[in-house]
Amino acid sequence: MKTPVDLMIEARWIVPVEPARVVLENHAVAVDKGRIVAILPQSDAAARFAPAQTQTLAHHIVIPGLVNLHTHAAMSLLRGIADDLPLQKWLSEYIWPLEAKHVSERFVRDGTTLACAEMLLGGTTCFNDMYFFPKDAAFSALKLGMRAAIGLLVFDFPSSYAADADDYLNKNMQTRDELKNEPLLSFCLAPHSPYTVGDQTFARVLTLAEQCDLPIHLHLHETLQETEDSLRQFGVRPIERLRRLGLLGPGLIAVHSVHLEPDEIALLARHGCSVAHCPSSNLKLASGIAPVASLVEEGINVGFGTDSAASNNRLDLFSEMRLASLLAKASSGNAEAVDTHQALHMATLGGARALGLGETIGSISVGKSADLCAVRIDDLRLLPYYDAVSLLVYSAGREFVSDVWVAGKKRVENARLLGFDENELINSVSLWQNRLHPGRNP
């Protein structure tokens, strides 16, 4: 007697990511109650299972849903508002003043909804956020049925969200307590950076992280100015300051990690830290090129982040995969650095492991959540193709994503969002565009 399941996905190729460097041809993924119950040849699947629904993807590659390890999702409303500037000028003269004037619960809901829509259409099923009003970001993710690691942002200065570090932490933990049972949500403590958070606040963050078993997600060694300022103020570089404070460990997600000395790379490796690599944003802000080839050689877990749409300007992990692989080769002088399988791993399982979700998502494995992405390959722009993973990393882009599932529920079909009013979102974004930059015509 055949075993009933909710869904059977049959594909030309399946790249499970785990085990590594495996590509399965003419296989199927059986899904029941939101989880993967089998990956097997299509002929065996037909003999073994009785699916309530079958999706045949004869001209597709199915991969795990992509994981965006670093975003400021609501800043999608600031896309293109201030381009071609160095980081500190971009922040202090444009972004922070605009945020001080406009950021609110509604700003975060609309901006995060826009980001979620863009990410889902591009095959991203999980994102790690860092922004104000985290409860509203969480509601937006849930509205679209997307998985999110909600960053509980901490600064030492006031904002429209909180008055001081204590206020940030108190509101953040209330949000976490209210939403911790939502199956698509997890949480990270997100002290913004060493240059915006003091030692006393870092100590409180560390205590909460240990008590609640939460990762810590922060910007680290993004620019040369950051390290120079730290030397003047604290007498040590930022990573050494964090080491002395006890923050280095397997739960730390070090975002950017561009300007690292060899001993600092070894320090991250020794403490089991993860790195969120954001190549497009780093290039656009002229922050530099992270030493990803060296990070990988040291065994450091690396995932990809887009950063915000205000500094990228795309929330597109296909672009990050390709760019990261090419940059690693050029900067290291090694054409074998960050090959296609490594790049796909970083975009999926690497990000999942950094978030503590490696047992739940990041690969197509029995028992894991069915967070999946199908990429259509029967397009003359992709022909000919000889290697499925090469095709994904070097040739395909987010425009070829056709179908997306989160926890077994289809969220994108034929490159369109399901159960979502795109026109309503477009109207909301248009209102914000006029409010943020009145009088400017496109």
Protein backbone atom coordinates (compact mmCIF):
# COMPACT_ATOMS: atom_id res chain seq x y z
CA MET A 1 0.00 0.00 0.00
CA LYS A 2 1.34 3.42 -0.95
CA THR A 3 2.05 5.97 1.73
CA PRO A 4 -0.08 9.14 1.46
CA VAL A 5 1.83 12.44 1.44
CA ASP A 6 0.77 16.03 0.86
CA LEU A 7 3.09 16.87 -2.01
CA MET A 8 5.47 15.30 -4.50
CA ILE A 9 7.91 17.54 -6.40
CA GLU A 10 9.51 15.88 -9.42
CA ALA A 11 12.44 17.73 -10.98
CA ARG A 12 14.99 17.39 -13.75
CA TRP A 13 17.72 18.05 -11.19
CA ILE A 14 17.77 18.34 -7.41
CA VAL A 15 20.78 19.83 -5.63
CA PRO A 16 20.34 18.88 -1.96
CA VAL A 17 23.49 20.74 -0.72
CA GLU A 18 23.76 18.07 1.96
CA PRO A 19 25.52 15.73 1.30
CA ALA A 20 27.98 18.05 -0.36
CA ARG A 21 28.62 18.12 -4.12
CA VAL A 22 25.72 15.83 -4.94
CA VAL A 23 23.42 16.47 -7.91
CA LEU A 24 20.41 14.19 -8.35
CA GLU A 25 18.89 13.73 -11.80
CA ASN A 26 15.21 12.86 -12.34
CA HIS A 27 14.53 12.61 -8.63
CA ALA A 28 11.58 13.60 -6.46
CA VAL A 29 11.06 15.21 -3.06
CA ALA A 30 8.18 13.89 -0.97
CA VAL A 31 6.70 16.40 1.48
CA ASP A 32 4.22 15.80 4.25
CA LYS A 33 3.02 18.18 6.95
CA GLY A 34 5.57 20.73 5.80
CA ARG A 35 8.58 18.44 6.12
CA ILE A 36 10.67 16.42 3.70
CA VAL A 37 10.00 12.71 4.13
CA ALA A 38 12.00 11.30 1.20
CA ILE A 39 14.32 12.17 -1.70
CA LEU A 40 14.38 9.36 -4.25
CA PRO A 41 14.27 8.52 -7.98
CA GLN A 42 10.98 9.43 -9.58
CA SER A 43 10.19 5.83 -10.48
CA ASP A 44 10.65 4.75 -6.87
CA ALA A 45 8.59 7.69 -5.65
CA ALA A 46 5.65 6.67 -7.86
CA ALA A 47 5.76 3.15 -6.45
CA ARG A 48 6.08 4.20 -2.82
CA PHE A 49 3.90 7.29 -2.30
CA ALA A 50 0.37 8.48 -3.00
CA PRO A 51 0.64 12.28 -3.07
CA ALA A 52 -2.36 14.56 -2.72
CA GLN A 53 -0.61 16.88 -5.16
CA THR A 54 2.21 16.36 -7.65
CA GLN A 55 4.29 19.14 -9.20
CA THR A 56 6.31 18.05 -12.21
CA LEU A 57 9.23 20.34 -12.99
CA ALA A 58 10.76 18.72 -16.04
CA HIS A 59 12.86 21.77 -16.93
CA HIS A 60 13.96 22.91 -13.50
CA ILE A 61 16.61 22.66 -10.82
CA VAL A 62 15.27 22.40 -7.27
CA ILE A 63 17.48 23.73 -4.49
CA PRO A 64 16.99 24.60 -0.82
CA GLY A 65 15.43 27.98 -0.20
CA LEU A 66 18.13 30.63 -0.02
CA VAL A 67 19.04 32.21 3.34
CA ASN A 68 19.82 35.94 3.47
CA LEU A 69 22.10 36.21 6.50
CA HIS A 70 22.08 40.00 6.82
CA THR A 71 19.36 42.49 5.94
CA HIS A 72 17.81 45.73 7.10
CA ALA A 73 14.61 44.79 5.35
CA ALA A 74 12.53 47.91 5.98
CA MET A 75 15.21 50.04 4.33
CA SER A 76 13.84 48.83 1.00
CA LEU A 77 11.82 52.06 1.14
CA LEU A 78 15.16 53.92 0.89
CA ARG A 79 16.35 52.08 -2.20
CA GLY A 80 18.34 54.47 -4.40
CA ILE A 81 17.72 57.52 -2.25
CA ALA A 82 21.45 58.16 -1.69
CA ASP A 83 23.93 56.39 -3.95
CA ASP A 84 27.65 56.53 -4.69
CA LEU A 85 28.78 57.64 -1.24
CA PRO A 86 31.19 56.23 1.39
CA LEU A 87 29.59 54.51 4.35
CA GLN A 88 29.96 57.17 7.05
CA LYS A 89 28.80 60.02 4.82
CA TRP A 90 25.95 57.88 3.50
CA LEU A 91 24.84 57.09 7.05
CA SER A 92 25.38 60.40 8.81
CA GLU A 93 24.22 62.81 6.10
CA TYR A 94 21.41 60.85 4.45
CA ILE A 95 20.22 57.60 6.01
CA TRP A 96 20.21 58.45 9.71
CA PRO A 97 18.46 61.84 9.23
CA LEU A 98 15.80 60.22 7.05
CA GLU A 99 15.30 57.44 9.57
CA ALA A 100 15.03 59.91 12.44
CA LYS A 101 12.26 61.70 10.59
CA HIS A 102 10.31 58.84 9.06
CA VAL A 103 10.88 55.47 10.75
CA SER A 104 7.75 54.20 12.49
CA GLU A 105 5.76 51.00 12.88
CA ARG A 106 4.12 51.65 9.51
CA PHE A 107 7.42 52.36 7.79
CA VAL A 108 8.81 49.06 9.04
CA ARG A 109 5.71 47.08 8.08
CA ASP A 110 5.55 48.46 4.56
CA GLY A 111 9.29 48.36 3.96
CA THR A 112 9.67 44.83 5.28
CA THR A 113 6.68 43.64 3.24
CA LEU A 114 8.32 45.06 0.12
CA ALA A 115 11.59 43.31 1.02
CA CYS A 116 9.87 39.99 1.70
CA ALA A 117 8.08 40.11 -1.63
CA GLU A 118 11.34 40.81 -3.46
CA MET A 119 13.21 38.09 -1.61
CA LEU A 120 10.55 35.41 -2.07
CA LEU A 121 10.35 36.12 -5.80
CA GLY A 122 14.13 35.65 -5.90
CA GLY A 123 14.12 32.28 -4.13
CA THR A 124 15.00 33.49 -0.63
CA THR A 125 12.88 31.75 2.00
CA CYS A 126 14.60 32.98 5.19
CA PHE A 127 16.20 36.28 6.13
CA ASN A 128 18.08 37.57 9.16
CA ASP A 129 16.97 41.11 9.91
CA MET A 130 18.37 44.02 11.91
CA TYR A 131 16.15 47.06 12.30
CA PHE A 132 13.86 49.11 14.50
CA PHE A 133 10.36 47.94 15.51
CA PRO A 134 11.16 44.22 15.17
CA LYS A 135 7.62 43.15 16.02
CA ASP A 136 6.35 44.91 12.91
CA ALA A 137 9.04 43.29 10.79
CA ALA A 138 7.95 39.92 12.15
CA PHE A 139 4.30 40.61 11.28
CA SER A 140 5.28 41.46 7.70
CA ALA A 141 7.25 38.24 7.29
CA LEU A 142 4.36 36.21 8.66
CA LYS A 143 1.93 38.00 6.35
CA LEU A 144 3.83 36.64 3.35
CA GLY A 145 4.53 33.26 4.94
CA MET A 146 8.28 33.81 4.98
CA ARG A 147 10.77 32.48 7.51
CA ALA A 148 12.62 35.20 9.44
CA ALA A 149 15.29 35.51 12.11
CA ILE A 150 14.22 38.74 13.75
CA GLY A 151 17.12 40.87 14.90
CA LEU A 152 16.54 42.55 18.23
CA LEU A 153 18.38 45.78 17.48
CA VAL A 154 20.36 47.57 20.21
CA PHE A 155 21.95 51.03 20.13
CA ASP A 156 23.30 53.25 22.89
CA PHE A 157 21.50 56.27 21.45
CA PRO A 158 17.78 57.08 21.18
CA SER A 159 15.54 56.51 18.18
CA SER A 160 11.84 56.58 17.41
CA TYR A 161 11.77 52.99 18.69
CA ALA A 162 13.56 53.26 22.03
CA ALA A 163 15.05 55.87 24.38
CA ASP A 164 18.24 54.09 25.45
CA ALA A 165 19.91 50.68 25.62
CA ASP A 166 17.71 49.51 28.49
CA ASP A 167 14.59 50.49 26.57
CA TYR A 168 15.80 48.66 23.45
CA LEU A 169 16.52 45.50 25.41
CA ASN A 170 13.27 45.56 27.36
CA LYS A 171 11.12 46.08 24.26
CA ASN A 172 13.11 43.51 22.32
CA MET A 173 12.69 40.78 24.89
CA GLN A 174 8.96 41.51 25.12
CA THR A 175 8.74 41.02 21.36
CA ARG A 176 10.66 37.78 21.57
CA ASP A 177 8.47 36.49 24.42
CA GLU A 178 5.27 37.35 22.53
CA LEU A 179 6.31 35.72 19.25
CA LYS A 180 8.69 32.92 20.25
CA ASN A 181 6.14 30.20 19.49
CA GLU A 182 5.62 31.27 15.87
CA PRO A 183 7.09 28.36 13.88
CA LEU A 184 8.48 30.56 11.09
CA LEU A 185 10.24 32.98 13.45
CA SER A 186 13.50 32.84 15.34
CA PHE A 187 15.46 35.64 16.99
CA CYS A 188 18.94 37.14 17.21
CA LEU A 189 20.25 39.79 19.54
CA ALA A 190 21.52 42.53 17.25
CA PRO A 191 23.80 45.11 18.87
CA HIS A 192 24.41 47.32 15.85
CA SER A 193 28.22 47.59 15.92
CA PRO A 194 31.22 48.22 18.17
CA TYR A 195 31.10 51.93 17.31
CA THR A 196 27.44 52.37 18.37
CA VAL A 197 27.34 50.08 21.43
CA GLY A 198 29.33 50.48 24.64
CA ASP A 199 30.95 47.85 26.83
CA GLN A 200 28.19 47.88 29.45
CA THR A 201 25.51 47.28 26.83
CA PHE A 202 27.56 44.51 25.23
CA ALA A 203 27.79 42.82 28.64
CA ARG A 204 24.00 42.87 28.97
CA VAL A 205 23.59 41.53 25.43
CA LEU A 206 25.96 38.67 26.18
CA THR A 207 24.08 37.76 29.36
CA LEU A 208 20.74 37.69 27.53
CA ALA A 209 22.21 35.69 24.65
CA GLU A 210 23.47 33.05 27.07
CA GLN A 211 20.26 32.96 29.08
CA CYS A 212 17.98 32.70 26.03
CA ASP A 213 20.32 30.77 23.71
CA LEU A 214 20.21 33.47 21.02
CA PRO A 215 22.81 34.24 18.34
CA ILE A 216 24.46 37.68 18.36
CA HIS A 217 24.39 39.50 15.02
CA LEU A 218 26.48 42.67 14.53
CA HIS A 219 28.52 44.66 12.03
CA LEU A 220 32.23 44.05 12.54
CA HIS A 221 35.37 45.30 10.76
CA GLU A 222 33.36 46.78 7.91
CA THR A 223 35.61 49.78 7.18
CA LEU A 224 39.14 50.95 7.84
CA GLN A 225 37.75 53.95 9.72
CA GLU A 226 35.98 51.61 12.14
CA THR A 227 39.25 49.95 13.12
CA GLU A 228 41.14 53.26 13.33
CA ASP A 229 38.46 54.79 15.56
CA SER A 230 38.52 51.73 17.81
CA LEU A 231 42.29 51.96 18.21
CA ARG A 232 41.99 55.62 19.24
CA GLN A 233 39.09 55.07 21.64
CA PHE A 234 39.81 51.64 23.13
CA GLY A 235 43.45 50.97 22.28
CA VAL A 236 42.57 47.77 20.39
CA ARG A 237 40.90 46.77 17.14
CA PRO A 238 37.15 45.94 17.33
CA ILE A 239 37.50 42.16 17.24
CA GLU A 240 39.99 42.19 20.11
CA ARG A 241 37.63 44.37 22.11
CA LEU A 242 34.84 41.86 21.55
CA ARG A 243 37.16 39.01 22.54
CA ARG A 244 37.93 40.72 25.83
CA LEU A 245 34.23 41.24 26.43
CA GLY A 246 33.56 37.53 25.85
CA LEU A 247 31.40 37.94 22.74
CA LEU A 248 33.37 35.71 20.40
CA GLY A 249 31.80 32.26 20.15
CA PRO A 250 29.72 29.91 17.97
CA GLY A 251 26.69 32.18 18.32
CA LEU A 252 28.39 35.26 16.86
CA ILE A 253 27.49 36.35 13.32
CA ALA A 254 30.15 38.85 12.26
CA VAL A 255 28.70 40.91 9.42
CA HIS A 256 31.04 42.15 6.67
CA SER A 257 34.41 41.18 8.26
CA VAL A 258 36.23 43.02 5.48
CA HIS A 259 39.38 44.32 7.17
CA LEU A 260 40.80 41.34 9.01
CA GLU A 261 44.41 40.47 9.81
CA PRO A 262 45.46 36.80 9.55
CA ASP A 263 45.51 36.43 13.35
CA GLU A 264 41.97 37.82 13.50
CA ILE A 265 40.76 35.28 10.95
CA ALA A 266 42.35 32.57 13.09
CA LEU A 267 40.62 34.05 16.14
CA LEU A 268 37.19 33.85 14.47
CA ALA A 269 37.92 30.27 13.47
CA ARG A 270 39.12 29.27 16.92
CA HIS A 271 35.95 30.61 18.53
CA GLY A 272 33.62 29.03 15.95
CA CYS A 273 32.16 32.35 14.77
CA SER A 274 30.22 32.75 11.51
CA VAL A 275 30.62 35.52 8.94
CA ALA A 276 27.87 37.19 6.92
CA HIS A 277 29.56 38.15 3.65
CA CYS A 278 27.91 41.08 1.82
CA PRO A 279 29.96 41.55 -1.35
CA SER A 280 27.66 43.87 -3.31
CA SER A 281 27.12 46.31 -0.45
CA ASN A 282 30.81 46.29 0.44
CA LEU A 283 31.74 47.18 -3.12
CA LYS A 284 29.06 49.86 -3.55
CA LEU A 285 30.11 51.63 -0.35
CA ALA A 286 33.81 51.14 -1.20
CA SER A 287 34.27 49.35 2.12
CA GLY A 288 36.56 46.75 0.56
CA ILE A 289 36.66 43.07 -0.33
CA ALA A 290 36.35 40.53 2.47
CA PRO A 291 39.04 37.79 2.56
CA VAL A 292 36.51 35.03 1.97
CA ALA A 293 38.99 32.56 0.49
CA SER A 294 41.04 32.79 3.69
CA LEU A 295 37.92 32.49 5.86
CA VAL A 296 36.95 29.29 4.09
CA GLU A 297 40.48 27.90 4.30
CA GLU A 298 40.37 28.43 8.08
CA GLY A 299 37.09 26.50 8.29
CA ILE A 300 34.91 29.49 9.21
CA ASN A 301 31.22 29.12 8.43
CA VAL A 302 30.24 31.78 5.88
CA GLY A 303 26.81 32.84 4.67
CA PHE A 304 25.71 35.58 2.29
CA GLY A 305 23.88 38.77 3.13
CA THR A 306 22.56 41.42 0.82
CA ASP A 307 22.64 44.18 3.44
CA SER A 308 19.86 46.68 2.78
CA ALA A 309 18.30 47.63 -0.53
CA ALA A 310 19.49 51.15 0.29
CA SER A 311 23.14 50.10 -0.04
CA ASN A 312 22.99 47.20 -2.50
CA ASN A 313 20.36 47.98 -4.19
CA ARG A 314 18.98 44.45 -4.69
CA LEU A 315 17.95 41.75 -2.24
CA ASP A 316 19.25 39.14 -4.66
CA LEU A 317 21.25 36.17 -3.43
CA PHE A 318 21.89 34.89 -6.94
CA SER A 319 23.88 38.07 -7.55
CA GLU A 320 25.73 37.60 -4.26
CA MET A 321 26.66 34.00 -5.09
CA ARG A 322 28.17 34.89 -8.42
CA LEU A 323 29.92 38.02 -7.22
CA ALA A 324 31.34 36.38 -4.11
CA SER A 325 32.80 33.52 -6.12
CA LEU A 326 34.41 35.86 -8.64
CA LEU A 327 35.78 38.24 -6.00
CA ALA A 328 37.27 35.38 -4.00
CA LYS A 329 39.15 34.16 -7.06
CA ALA A 330 40.46 37.59 -8.03
CA SER A 331 41.43 38.71 -4.52
CA SER A 332 43.19 35.45 -3.63
CA GLY A 333 44.76 34.78 -7.01
CA ASN A 334 43.25 31.31 -6.89
CA ALA A 335 40.74 30.36 -9.59
CA GLU A 336 39.57 27.43 -7.44
CA ALA A 337 38.55 29.62 -4.49
CA VAL A 338 34.82 29.56 -3.55
CA ASP A 339 33.73 27.22 -6.31
CA THR A 340 30.11 26.85 -7.33
CA HIS A 341 29.22 24.21 -4.75
CA GLN A 342 30.80 26.29 -1.97
CA ALA A 343 28.91 29.38 -3.14
CA LEU A 344 25.58 27.53 -3.11
CA HIS A 345 26.40 26.11 0.33
CA MET A 346 27.03 29.62 1.65
CA ALA A 347 23.72 30.84 0.24
CA THR A 348 21.80 28.02 1.93
CA LEU A 349 23.27 25.82 4.65
CA GLY A 350 25.97 28.30 5.65
CA GLY A 351 23.38 30.93 6.49
CA ALA A 352 21.13 28.40 8.21
CA ARG A 353 23.92 27.13 10.45
CA ALA A 354 24.93 30.66 11.42
CA LEU A 355 21.37 31.25 12.65
CA GLY A 356 21.25 28.00 14.59
CA LEU A 357 18.75 26.64 12.05
CA GLY A 358 20.98 24.09 10.36
CA GLU A 359 18.86 21.21 11.62
CA THR A 360 15.70 22.79 10.22
CA ILE A 361 16.55 24.40 6.87
CA GLY A 362 19.44 24.94 4.46
CA SER A 363 19.47 21.61 2.66
CA ILE A 364 17.06 19.16 1.08
CA SER A 365 17.29 16.48 3.73
CA VAL A 366 14.80 14.06 5.26
CA GLY A 367 13.24 15.57 8.36
CA LYS A 368 13.96 19.17 7.44
CA SER A 369 11.38 21.79 6.61
CA ALA A 370 10.39 21.87 2.95
CA ASP A 371 11.81 25.32 2.21
CA LEU A 372 12.49 24.92 -1.50
CA CYS A 373 13.19 26.94 -4.63
CA ALA A 374 12.69 25.86 -8.24
CA VAL A 375 14.74 27.50 -10.99
CA ARG A 376 13.55 27.19 -14.58
CA ILE A 377 16.36 26.40 -17.04
CA ASP A 378 14.65 25.97 -20.45
CA ASP A 379 15.61 29.45 -21.61
CA LEU A 380 17.95 30.28 -24.48
CA ARG A 381 19.86 32.65 -22.17
CA LEU A 382 20.97 29.60 -20.19
CA LEU A 383 21.80 27.26 -23.07
CA PRO A 384 23.74 25.06 -23.35
CA TYR A 385 24.18 23.68 -19.84
CA TYR A 386 26.41 20.86 -18.68
CA ASP A 387 26.59 21.34 -14.92
CA ALA A 388 23.54 22.18 -12.81
CA VAL A 389 25.40 24.04 -10.05
CA SER A 390 27.53 26.01 -12.49
CA LEU A 391 24.31 27.01 -14.22
CA LEU A 392 22.83 28.22 -10.93
CA VAL A 393 25.81 30.25 -9.76
CA TYR A 394 27.29 31.67 -12.96
CA SER A 395 24.44 31.81 -15.47
CA ALA A 396 20.99 31.88 -13.87
CA GLY A 397 19.56 34.75 -11.90
CA ARG A 398 16.56 35.45 -9.73
CA GLU A 399 14.46 36.12 -12.84
CA PHE A 400 14.49 32.36 -13.50
CA VAL A 401 12.96 31.43 -10.13
CA SER A 402 9.55 29.95 -10.85
CA ASP A 403 8.24 28.35 -7.66
CA VAL A 404 9.02 28.72 -3.96
CA TRP A 405 7.81 26.79 -0.92
CA VAL A 406 8.19 27.64 2.76
CA ALA A 407 7.47 24.81 5.19
CA GLY A 408 5.78 22.93 2.34
CA LYS A 409 3.41 25.77 1.47
CA LYS A 410 3.76 27.30 -1.96
CA ARG A 411 4.45 31.02 -1.77
CA VAL A 412 5.49 31.68 -5.39
CA GLU A 413 4.00 30.02 -8.45
CA ASN A 414 5.06 30.73 -12.03
CA ALA A 415 7.08 33.70 -10.74
CA ARG A 416 4.06 35.31 -9.03
CA LEU A 417 3.36 35.69 -5.33
CA LEU A 418 0.40 33.65 -4.14
CA GLY A 419 -2.35 35.03 -1.92
CA PHE A 420 -0.94 38.53 -1.89
CA ASP A 421 -2.22 41.82 -3.31
CA GLU A 422 0.76 43.31 -5.13
CA ASN A 423 -1.19 46.42 -6.15
CA GLU A 424 -1.88 47.29 -2.52
CA LEU A 425 1.83 47.10 -1.77
CA ILE A 426 2.73 49.17 -4.84
CA ASN A 427 0.31 51.88 -3.72
CA SER A 428 1.78 51.93 -0.21
CA VAL A 429 5.32 52.19 -1.55
CA SER A 430 4.30 55.04 -3.86
CA LEU A 431 3.00 56.99 -0.87
CA TRP A 432 6.30 56.47 0.95
CA GLN A 433 8.24 57.54 -2.14
CA ASN A 434 6.38 60.85 -2.21
CA ARG A 435 6.79 61.33 1.52
CA LEU A 436 10.51 60.53 1.61
CA HIS A 437 11.44 62.54 -1.44
CA PRO A 438 8.59 64.95 -2.30
CA GLY A 439 8.66 66.75 -5.57
CA ARG A 440 11.12 64.42 -7.22
CA ASN A 441 9.91 62.81 -10.44
CA PRO A 442 11.22 59.38 -11.44
